[in-house]
Amino acid sequence: MEMSITKPAAKWFINELDLEENDAIRFFARYGGFCGVHKGFSLALEKSEPNNPGLNVKEEGILFYVEQSDVWYFDNKNFHIKYSRKFDEIEYVIK
C-alpha cells in the first residue's frame, strides 16, 4: 500500500489552503457520503500534525498523510492524489 501526490496537486493544496512549508494535511475516513471504497464513508481532510502516520508522502515541503487508525479505509489499495487541470480540482485515485 502506497500513497503519492503529484506536484500540481500539492501546489493546488498550498494555494487553496494557504499552506506554508512544514505544514501537514491529514486524510481520514468520515462517516457519510460515498467515495467508492466503503459504502457510507467518504474521504475528508484537515490541516493537522501527525500522531501515528500509516501512510505519508512529502511534496513541495508539505506532509500529506493518513493516520494508522484510518488506513483500513484504503482496503490495502494505493492512494494517489492528482490535480485535474480541466476541472481545476483534486482527484483521488484508490486502486
PDB file of N, CA and C in Angstrom:
ATOM      1  N   MET A   1       0.850  -1.162   0.000  1.00  0.00           N
ATOM      2  CA  MET A   1       0.000   0.000   0.000  1.00  0.00           C
ATOM      3  C   MET A   1       0.902   1.234   0.000  1.00  0.00           C
ATOM      4  N   GLU A   2       0.649   2.148  -0.957  1.00  0.00           N
ATOM      5  CA  GLU A   2       1.450   3.352  -1.093  1.00  0.00           C
ATOM      6  C   GLU A   2       0.557   4.576  -1.210  1.00  0.00           C
ATOM      7  N   MET A   3       1.161   5.711  -0.912  1.00  0.00           N
ATOM      8  CA  MET A   3       0.487   6.997  -1.066  1.00  0.00           C
ATOM      9  C   MET A   3       1.375   7.867  -1.940  1.00  0.00           C
ATOM     10  N   SER A   4       0.766   8.596  -2.895  1.00  0.00           N
ATOM     11  CA  SER A   4       1.534   9.508  -3.733  1.00  0.00           C
ATOM     12  C   SER A   4       0.704  10.751  -4.035  1.00  0.00           C
ATOM     13  N   ILE A   5       1.392  11.824  -4.379  1.00  0.00           N
ATOM     14  CA  ILE A   5       0.735  13.064  -4.769  1.00  0.00           C
ATOM     15  C   ILE A   5       1.568  13.710  -5.859  1.00  0.00           C
ATOM     16  N   THR A   6       0.921  14.239  -6.863  1.00  0.00           N
ATOM     17  CA  THR A   6       1.643  14.924  -7.934  1.00  0.00           C
ATOM     18  C   THR A   6       2.012  16.336  -7.477  1.00  0.00           C
ATOM     19  N   LYS A   7       3.041  16.899  -8.092  1.00  0.00           N
ATOM     20  CA  LYS A   7       3.443  18.280  -7.779  1.00  0.00           C
ATOM     21  C   LYS A   7       2.309  19.264  -8.024  1.00  0.00           C
ATOM     22  N   PRO A   8       1.582  19.168  -9.151  1.00  0.00           N
ATOM     23  CA  PRO A   8       0.464  20.099  -9.346  1.00  0.00           C
ATOM     24  C   PRO A   8      -0.605  19.976  -8.255  1.00  0.00           C
ATOM     25  N   ALA A   9      -0.848  18.771  -7.779  1.00  0.00           N
ATOM     26  CA  ALA A   9      -1.832  18.584  -6.708  1.00  0.00           C
ATOM     27  C   ALA A   9      -1.333  19.226  -5.415  1.00  0.00           C
ATOM     28  N   ALA A  10      -0.068  19.026  -5.090  1.00  0.00           N
ATOM     29  CA  ALA A  10       0.499  19.642  -3.884  1.00  0.00           C
ATOM     30  C   ALA A  10       0.409  21.158  -3.969  1.00  0.00           C
ATOM     31  N   LYS A  11       0.712  21.716  -5.126  1.00  0.00           N
ATOM     32  CA  LYS A  11       0.633  23.169  -5.310  1.00  0.00           C
ATOM     33  C   LYS A  11      -0.811  23.660  -5.170  1.00  0.00           C
ATOM     34  N   TRP A  12      -1.774  22.875  -5.649  1.00  0.00           N
ATOM     35  CA  TRP A  12      -3.181  23.231  -5.502  1.00  0.00           C
ATOM     36  C   TRP A  12      -3.542  23.340  -4.016  1.00  0.00           C
ATOM     37  N   PHE A  13      -3.145  22.339  -3.229  1.00  0.00           N
ATOM     38  CA  PHE A  13      -3.414  22.369  -1.796  1.00  0.00           C
ATOM     39  C   PHE A  13      -2.758  23.585  -1.140  1.00  0.00           C
ATOM     40  N   ILE A  14      -1.517  23.876  -1.503  1.00  0.00           N
ATOM     41  CA  ILE A  14      -0.801  25.021  -0.940  1.00  0.00           C
ATOM     42  C   ILE A  14      -1.568  26.307  -1.212  1.00  0.00           C
ATOM     43  N   ASN A  15      -2.025  26.479  -2.440  1.00  0.00           N
ATOM     44  CA  ASN A  15      -2.758  27.694  -2.805  1.00  0.00           C
ATOM     45  C   ASN A  15      -4.138  27.759  -2.163  1.00  0.00           C
ATOM     46  N   GLU A  16      -4.876  26.674  -2.219  1.00  0.00           N
ATOM     47  CA  GLU A  16      -6.249  26.662  -1.718  1.00  0.00           C
ATOM     48  C   GLU A  16      -6.341  26.743  -0.196  1.00  0.00           C
ATOM     49  N   LEU A  17      -5.385  26.133   0.497  1.00  0.00           N
ATOM     50  CA  LEU A  17      -5.431  26.072   1.961  1.00  0.00           C
ATOM     51  C   LEU A  17      -4.427  27.014   2.614  1.00  0.00           C
ATOM     52  N   ASP A  18      -3.761  27.830   1.790  1.00  0.00           N
ATOM     53  CA  ASP A  18      -2.778  28.797   2.291  1.00  0.00           C
ATOM     54  C   ASP A  18      -1.743  28.116   3.188  1.00  0.00           C
ATOM     55  N   LEU A  19      -1.172  27.030   2.665  1.00  0.00           N
ATOM     56  CA  LEU A  19      -0.212  26.247   3.427  1.00  0.00           C
ATOM     57  C   LEU A  19       1.181  26.850   3.342  1.00  0.00           C
ATOM     58  N   GLU A  20       1.964  26.578   4.377  1.00  0.00           N
ATOM     59  CA  GLU A  20       3.358  27.001   4.429  1.00  0.00           C
ATOM     60  C   GLU A  20       4.237  25.769   4.594  1.00  0.00           C
ATOM     61  N   GLU A  21       5.511  25.918   4.279  1.00  0.00           N
ATOM     62  CA  GLU A  21       6.448  24.811   4.398  1.00  0.00           C
ATOM     63  C   GLU A  21       6.352  24.193   5.788  1.00  0.00           C
ATOM     64  N   ASN A  22       6.393  22.869   5.817  1.00  0.00           N
ATOM     65  CA  ASN A  22       6.306  22.037   7.031  1.00  0.00           C
ATOM     66  C   ASN A  22       4.897  21.919   7.603  1.00  0.00           C
ATOM     67  N   ASP A  23       3.872  22.432   6.922  1.00  0.00           N
ATOM     68  CA  ASP A  23       2.502  22.155   7.327  1.00  0.00           C
ATOM     69  C   ASP A  23       2.186  20.700   6.984  1.00  0.00           C
ATOM     70  N   ALA A  24       1.108  20.184   7.539  1.00  0.00           N
ATOM     71  CA  ALA A  24       0.712  18.796   7.292  1.00  0.00           C
ATOM     72  C   ALA A  24      -0.786  18.718   7.026  1.00  0.00           C
ATOM     73  N   ILE A  25      -1.154  17.875   6.061  1.00  0.00           N
ATOM     74  CA  ILE A  25      -2.554  17.639   5.714  1.00  0.00           C
ATOM     75  C   ILE A  25      -2.878  16.171   5.978  1.00  0.00           C
ATOM     76  N   ARG A  26      -3.884  15.966   6.798  1.00  0.00           N
ATOM     77  CA  ARG A  26      -4.331  14.610   7.153  1.00  0.00           C
ATOM     78  C   ARG A  26      -5.559  14.246   6.335  1.00  0.00           C
ATOM     79  N   PHE A  27      -5.547  13.059   5.756  1.00  0.00           N
ATOM     80  CA  PHE A  27      -6.707  12.487   5.076  1.00  0.00           C
ATOM     81  C   PHE A  27      -7.280  11.422   6.004  1.00  0.00           C
ATOM     82  N   PHE A  28      -8.606  11.421   6.150  1.00  0.00           N
ATOM     83  CA  PHE A  28      -9.207  10.461   7.063  1.00  0.00           C
ATOM     84  C   PHE A  28     -10.598  10.048   6.579  1.00  0.00           C
ATOM     85  N   ALA A  29     -11.040   8.913   7.080  1.00  0.00           N
ATOM     86  CA  ALA A  29     -12.374   8.400   6.750  1.00  0.00           C
ATOM     87  C   ALA A  29     -13.387   9.089   7.634  1.00  0.00           C
ATOM     88  N   ARG A  30     -14.474   9.548   7.010  1.00  0.00           N
ATOM     89  CA  ARG A  30     -15.560  10.144   7.793  1.00  0.00           C
ATOM     90  C   ARG A  30     -16.852   9.411   7.441  1.00  0.00           C
ATOM     91  N   TYR A  31     -17.720   9.343   8.406  1.00  0.00           N
ATOM     92  CA  TYR A  31     -18.998   8.686   8.214  1.00  0.00           C
ATOM     93  C   TYR A  31     -19.889   9.580   7.359  1.00  0.00           C
ATOM     94  N   GLY A  32     -20.453   9.003   6.320  1.00  0.00           N
ATOM     95  CA  GLY A  32     -21.348   9.740   5.426  1.00  0.00           C
ATOM     96  C   GLY A  32     -20.752   9.864   4.042  1.00  0.00           C
ATOM     97  N   GLY A  33     -21.618   9.908   3.073  1.00  0.00           N
ATOM     98  CA  GLY A  33     -21.168  10.039   1.687  1.00  0.00           C
ATOM     99  C   GLY A  33     -20.747   8.710   1.102  1.00  0.00           C
ATOM    100  N   PHE A  34     -20.135   8.789  -0.053  1.00  0.00           N
ATOM    101  CA  PHE A  34     -19.682   7.588  -0.741  1.00  0.00           C
ATOM    102  C   PHE A  34     -18.519   7.968  -1.646  1.00  0.00           C
ATOM    103  N   CYS A  35     -17.413   7.309  -1.452  1.00  0.00           N
ATOM    104  CA  CYS A  35     -16.209   7.624  -2.223  1.00  0.00           C
ATOM    105  C   CYS A  35     -15.753   6.443  -3.070  1.00  0.00           C
ATOM    106  N   GLY A  36     -16.529   5.388  -3.110  1.00  0.00           N
ATOM    107  CA  GLY A  36     -16.162   4.268  -3.959  1.00  0.00           C
ATOM    108  C   GLY A  36     -15.389   3.159  -3.276  1.00  0.00           C
ATOM    109  N   VAL A  37     -14.947   3.365  -2.039  1.00  0.00           N
ATOM    110  CA  VAL A  37     -14.186   2.334  -1.348  1.00  0.00           C
ATOM    111  C   VAL A  37     -15.082   1.598  -0.358  1.00  0.00           C
ATOM    112  N   HIS A  38     -15.713   2.324   0.544  1.00  0.00           N
ATOM    113  CA  HIS A  38     -16.611   1.739   1.540  1.00  0.00           C
ATOM    114  C   HIS A  38     -17.915   2.527   1.559  1.00  0.00           C
ATOM    115  N   LYS A  39     -18.988   1.850   1.283  1.00  0.00           N
ATOM    116  CA  LYS A  39     -20.303   2.499   1.276  1.00  0.00           C
ATOM    117  C   LYS A  39     -20.579   3.128   2.647  1.00  0.00           C
ATOM    118  N   GLY A  40     -21.062   4.368   2.618  1.00  0.00           N
ATOM    119  CA  GLY A  40     -21.389   5.061   3.851  1.00  0.00           C
ATOM    120  C   GLY A  40     -20.246   5.873   4.428  1.00  0.00           C
ATOM    121  N   PHE A  41     -19.078   5.818   3.791  1.00  0.00           N
ATOM    122  CA  PHE A  41     -17.921   6.586   4.242  1.00  0.00           C
ATOM    123  C   PHE A  41     -17.365   7.389   3.083  1.00  0.00           C
ATOM    124  N   SER A  42     -16.732   8.490   3.402  1.00  0.00           N
ATOM    125  CA  SER A  42     -16.053   9.276   2.378  1.00  0.00           C
ATOM    126  C   SER A  42     -14.740   9.802   2.948  1.00  0.00           C
ATOM    127  N   LEU A  43     -13.935  10.335   2.075  1.00  0.00           N
ATOM    128  CA  LEU A  43     -12.626  10.828   2.452  1.00  0.00           C
ATOM    129  C   LEU A  43     -12.727  12.303   2.818  1.00  0.00           C
ATOM    130  N   ALA A  44     -12.126  12.674   3.925  1.00  0.00           N
ATOM    131  CA  ALA A  44     -12.094  14.065   4.380  1.00  0.00           C
ATOM    132  C   ALA A  44     -10.642  14.451   4.617  1.00  0.00           C
ATOM    133  N   LEU A  45     -10.413  15.754   4.809  1.00  0.00           N
ATOM    134  CA  LEU A  45      -9.052  16.206   5.086  1.00  0.00           C
ATOM    135  C   LEU A  45      -9.078  17.365   6.060  1.00  0.00           C
ATOM    136  N   GLU A  46      -7.953  17.551   6.731  1.00  0.00           N
ATOM    137  CA  GLU A  46      -7.793  18.665   7.652  1.00  0.00           C
ATOM    138  C   GLU A  46      -6.312  18.979   7.787  1.00  0.00           C
ATOM    139  N   LYS A  47      -6.030  20.215   8.147  1.00  0.00           N
ATOM    140  CA  LYS A  47      -4.665  20.618   8.462  1.00  0.00           C
ATOM    141  C   LYS A  47      -4.421  20.201   9.906  1.00  0.00           C
ATOM    142  N   SER A  48      -3.487  19.284  10.107  1.00  0.00           N
ATOM    143  CA  SER A  48      -3.283  18.703  11.432  1.00  0.00           C
ATOM    144  C   SER A  48      -1.909  18.047  11.505  1.00  0.00           C
ATOM    145  N   GLU A  49      -1.280  18.135  12.651  1.00  0.00           N
ATOM    146  CA  GLU A  49       0.011  17.489  12.854  1.00  0.00           C
ATOM    147  C   GLU A  49      -0.173  15.980  13.027  1.00  0.00           C
ATOM    148  N   PRO A  50       0.731  15.183  12.461  1.00  0.00           N
ATOM    149  CA  PRO A  50       0.596  13.728  12.565  1.00  0.00           C
ATOM    150  C   PRO A  50       0.843  13.213  13.977  1.00  0.00           C
ATOM    151  N   ASN A  51       0.145  12.139  14.291  1.00  0.00           N
ATOM    152  CA  ASN A  51       0.324  11.456  15.562  1.00  0.00           C
ATOM    153  C   ASN A  51       0.999  10.107  15.326  1.00  0.00           C
ATOM    154  N   ASN A  52       0.394   9.290  14.461  1.00  0.00           N
ATOM    155  CA  ASN A  52       0.913   7.956  14.146  1.00  0.00           C
ATOM    156  C   ASN A  52       0.603   7.652  12.685  1.00  0.00           C
ATOM    157  N   PRO A  53       1.325   8.299  11.749  1.00  0.00           N
ATOM    158  CA  PRO A  53       1.000   8.120  10.332  1.00  0.00           C
ATOM    159  C   PRO A  53       1.252   6.692   9.842  1.00  0.00           C
ATOM    160  N   GLY A  54       0.265   6.185   9.107  1.00  0.00           N
ATOM    161  CA  GLY A  54       0.398   4.864   8.495  1.00  0.00           C
ATOM    162  C   GLY A  54       0.831   4.969   7.050  1.00  0.00           C
ATOM    163  N   LEU A  55       0.426   6.040   6.377  1.00  0.00           N
ATOM    164  CA  LEU A  55       0.837   6.363   5.008  1.00  0.00           C
ATOM    165  C   LEU A  55       1.235   7.828   4.996  1.00  0.00           C
ATOM    166  N   ASN A  56       2.275   8.156   4.239  1.00  0.00           N
ATOM    167  CA  ASN A  56       2.638   9.566   4.127  1.00  0.00           C
ATOM    168  C   ASN A  56       3.534   9.804   2.929  1.00  0.00           C
ATOM    169  N   VAL A  57       3.494  11.040   2.483  1.00  0.00           N
ATOM    170  CA  VAL A  57       4.349  11.478   1.391  1.00  0.00           C
ATOM    171  C   VAL A  57       4.587  12.976   1.590  1.00  0.00           C
ATOM    172  N   LYS A  58       5.800  13.420   1.298  1.00  0.00           N
ATOM    173  CA  LYS A  58       6.105  14.846   1.420  1.00  0.00           C
ATOM    174  C   LYS A  58       6.362  15.392   0.020  1.00  0.00           C
ATOM    175  N   GLU A  59       5.681  16.483  -0.301  1.00  0.00           N
ATOM    176  CA  GLU A  59       5.827  17.125  -1.620  1.00  0.00           C
ATOM    177  C   GLU A  59       5.720  18.627  -1.429  1.00  0.00           C
ATOM    178  N   GLU A  60       6.600  19.361  -2.088  1.00  0.00           N
ATOM    179  CA  GLU A  60       6.595  20.823  -2.023  1.00  0.00           C
ATOM    180  C   GLU A  60       6.660  21.326  -0.573  1.00  0.00           C
ATOM    181  N   GLY A  61       7.352  20.565   0.303  1.00  0.00           N
ATOM    182  CA  GLY A  61       7.526  20.969   1.691  1.00  0.00           C
ATOM    183  C   GLY A  61       6.344  20.695   2.595  1.00  0.00           C
ATOM    184  N   ILE A  62       5.315  20.028   2.074  1.00  0.00           N
ATOM    185  CA  ILE A  62       4.099  19.723   2.841  1.00  0.00           C
ATOM    186  C   ILE A  62       4.013  18.214   3.060  1.00  0.00           C
ATOM    187  N   LEU A  63       3.675  17.807   4.272  1.00  0.00           N
ATOM    188  CA  LEU A  63       3.462  16.391   4.572  1.00  0.00           C
ATOM    189  C   LEU A  63       1.988  16.069   4.366  1.00  0.00           C
ATOM    190  N   PHE A  64       1.708  15.107   3.523  1.00  0.00           N
ATOM    191  CA  PHE A  64       0.359  14.596   3.295  1.00  0.00           C
ATOM    192  C   PHE A  64       0.344  13.201   3.905  1.00  0.00           C
ATOM    193  N   TYR A  65      -0.649  12.912   4.750  1.00  0.00           N
ATOM    194  CA  TYR A  65      -0.594  11.639   5.472  1.00  0.00           C
ATOM    195  C   TYR A  65      -1.976  11.101   5.834  1.00  0.00           C
ATOM    196  N   VAL A  66      -1.968   9.818   6.201  1.00  0.00           N
ATOM    197  CA  VAL A  66      -3.134   9.110   6.730  1.00  0.00           C
ATOM    198  C   VAL A  66      -2.680   8.465   8.030  1.00  0.00           C
ATOM    199  N   GLU A  67      -3.409   8.704   9.102  1.00  0.00           N
ATOM    200  CA  GLU A  67      -3.074   8.072  10.380  1.00  0.00           C
ATOM    201  C   GLU A  67      -3.279   6.559  10.278  1.00  0.00           C
ATOM    202  N   GLN A  68      -2.503   5.834  11.043  1.00  0.00           N
ATOM    203  CA  GLN A  68      -2.605   4.376  11.052  1.00  0.00           C
ATOM    204  C   GLN A  68      -4.041   3.924  11.325  1.00  0.00           C
ATOM    205  N   SER A  69      -4.751   4.659  12.161  1.00  0.00           N
ATOM    206  CA  SER A  69      -6.128   4.284  12.516  1.00  0.00           C
ATOM    207  C   SER A  69      -7.111   4.430  11.352  1.00  0.00           C
ATOM    208  N   ASP A  70      -6.714   5.125  10.270  1.00  0.00           N
ATOM    209  CA  ASP A  70      -7.586   5.296   9.105  1.00  0.00           C
ATOM    210  C   ASP A  70      -7.122   4.522   7.872  1.00  0.00           C
ATOM    211  N   VAL A  71      -6.040   3.785   7.997  1.00  0.00           N
ATOM    212  CA  VAL A  71      -5.516   3.028   6.855  1.00  0.00           C
ATOM    213  C   VAL A  71      -6.529   1.994   6.358  1.00  0.00           C
ATOM    214  N   TRP A  72      -7.378   1.482   7.241  1.00  0.00           N
ATOM    215  CA  TRP A  72      -8.385   0.478   6.853  1.00  0.00           C
ATOM    216  C   TRP A  72      -9.237   0.964   5.676  1.00  0.00           C
ATOM    217  N   TYR A  73      -9.464   2.275   5.624  1.00  0.00           N
ATOM    218  CA  TYR A  73     -10.336   2.845   4.599  1.00  0.00           C
ATOM    219  C   TYR A  73      -9.854   2.519   3.184  1.00  0.00           C
ATOM    220  N   PHE A  74      -8.560   2.402   3.013  1.00  0.00           N
ATOM    221  CA  PHE A  74      -7.979   2.191   1.685  1.00  0.00           C
ATOM    222  C   PHE A  74      -7.940   0.723   1.281  1.00  0.00           C
ATOM    223  N   ASP A  75      -8.350  -0.174   2.186  1.00  0.00           N
ATOM    224  CA  ASP A  75      -8.557  -1.585   1.866  1.00  0.00           C
ATOM    225  C   ASP A  75      -7.358  -2.195   1.130  1.00  0.00           C
ATOM    226  N   ASN A  76      -6.147  -1.922   1.611  1.00  0.00           N
ATOM    227  CA  ASN A  76      -4.889  -2.440   1.035  1.00  0.00           C
ATOM    228  C   ASN A  76      -4.657  -2.001  -0.409  1.00  0.00           C
ATOM    229  N   LYS A  77      -5.221  -0.865  -0.782  1.00  0.00           N
ATOM    230  CA  LYS A  77      -5.019  -0.309  -2.124  1.00  0.00           C
ATOM    231  C   LYS A  77      -4.107   0.908  -2.032  1.00  0.00           C
ATOM    232  N   ASN A  78      -3.530   1.304  -3.160  1.00  0.00           N
ATOM    233  CA  ASN A  78      -2.698   2.501  -3.216  1.00  0.00           C
ATOM    234  C   ASN A  78      -3.581   3.740  -3.296  1.00  0.00           C
ATOM    235  N   PHE A  79      -3.105   4.821  -2.710  1.00  0.00           N
ATOM    236  CA  PHE A  79      -3.829   6.083  -2.643  1.00  0.00           C
ATOM    237  C   PHE A  79      -3.023   7.144  -3.390  1.00  0.00           C
ATOM    238  N   HIS A  80      -3.564   7.604  -4.525  1.00  0.00           N
ATOM    239  CA  HIS A  80      -2.894   8.597  -5.356  1.00  0.00           C
ATOM    240  C   HIS A  80      -3.734   9.872  -5.406  1.00  0.00           C
ATOM    241  N   ILE A  81      -3.068  10.997  -5.285  1.00  0.00           N
ATOM    242  CA  ILE A  81      -3.738  12.291  -5.315  1.00  0.00           C
ATOM    243  C   ILE A  81      -3.229  13.047  -6.534  1.00  0.00           C
ATOM    244  N   LYS A  82      -4.158  13.431  -7.411  1.00  0.00           N
ATOM    245  CA  LYS A  82      -3.809  14.109  -8.661  1.00  0.00           C
ATOM    246  C   LYS A  82      -4.585  15.410  -8.773  1.00  0.00           C
ATOM    247  N   TYR A  83      -4.133  16.273  -9.672  1.00  0.00           N
ATOM    248  CA  TYR A  83      -4.825  17.527  -9.955  1.00  0.00           C
ATOM    249  C   TYR A  83      -5.371  17.478 -11.377  1.00  0.00           C
ATOM    250  N   SER A  84      -6.643  17.834 -11.539  1.00  0.00           N
ATOM    251  CA  SER A  84      -7.275  17.901 -12.860  1.00  0.00           C
ATOM    252  C   SER A  84      -7.259  19.343 -13.335  1.00  0.00           C
ATOM    253  N   ARG A  85      -6.455  19.639 -14.344  1.00  0.00           N
ATOM    254  CA  ARG A  85      -6.425  20.990 -14.911  1.00  0.00           C
ATOM    255  C   ARG A  85      -7.771  21.339 -15.559  1.00  0.00           C
ATOM    256  N   LYS A  86      -8.379  20.340 -16.172  1.00  0.00           N
ATOM    257  CA  LYS A  86      -9.648  20.551 -16.861  1.00  0.00           C
ATOM    258  C   LYS A  86     -10.731  21.073 -15.911  1.00  0.00           C
ATOM    259  N   PHE A  87     -10.789  20.511 -14.702  1.00  0.00           N
ATOM    260  CA  PHE A  87     -11.829  20.882 -13.739  1.00  0.00           C
ATOM    261  C   PHE A  87     -11.303  21.751 -12.595  1.00  0.00           C
ATOM    262  N   ASP A  88      -9.992  21.997 -12.577  1.00  0.00           N
ATOM    263  CA  ASP A  88      -9.347  22.766 -11.504  1.00  0.00           C
ATOM    264  C   ASP A  88      -9.743  22.219 -10.136  1.00  0.00           C
ATOM    265  N   GLU A  89      -9.555  20.902  -9.986  1.00  0.00           N
ATOM    266  CA  GLU A  89      -9.874  20.264  -8.714  1.00  0.00           C
ATOM    267  C   GLU A  89      -9.008  19.039  -8.497  1.00  0.00           C
ATOM    268  N   ILE A  90      -9.044  18.543  -7.289  1.00  0.00           N
ATOM    269  CA  ILE A  90      -8.259  17.370  -6.902  1.00  0.00           C
ATOM    270  C   ILE A  90      -9.027  16.100  -7.244  1.00  0.00           C
ATOM    271  N   GLU A  91      -8.267  15.095  -7.645  1.00  0.00           N
ATOM    272  CA  GLU A  91      -8.838  13.778  -7.946  1.00  0.00           C
ATOM    273  C   GLU A  91      -8.134  12.742  -7.075  1.00  0.00           C
ATOM    274  N   TYR A  92      -8.906  11.920  -6.382  1.00  0.00           N
ATOM    275  CA  TYR A  92      -8.363  10.840  -5.565  1.00  0.00           C
ATOM    276  C   TYR A  92      -8.513   9.540  -6.336  1.00  0.00           C
ATOM    277  N   VAL A  93      -7.424   8.821  -6.472  1.00  0.00           N
ATOM    278  CA  VAL A  93      -7.437   7.523  -7.152  1.00  0.00           C
ATOM    279  C   VAL A  93      -7.013   6.478  -6.129  1.00  0.00           C
ATOM    280  N   ILE A  94      -7.910   5.546  -5.858  1.00  0.00           N
ATOM    281  CA  ILE A  94      -7.643   4.480  -4.904  1.00  0.00           C
ATOM    282  C   ILE A  94      -7.780   3.167  -5.648  1.00  0.00           C
ATOM    283  N   LYS A  95      -6.629   2.516  -5.875  1.00  0.00           N
ATOM    284  CA  LYS A  95      -6.663   1.200  -6.563  1.00  0.00           C
ATOM    285  C   LYS A  95      -5.414   0.408  -6.301  1.00  0.00           C
TER     286      LYS A  95
END
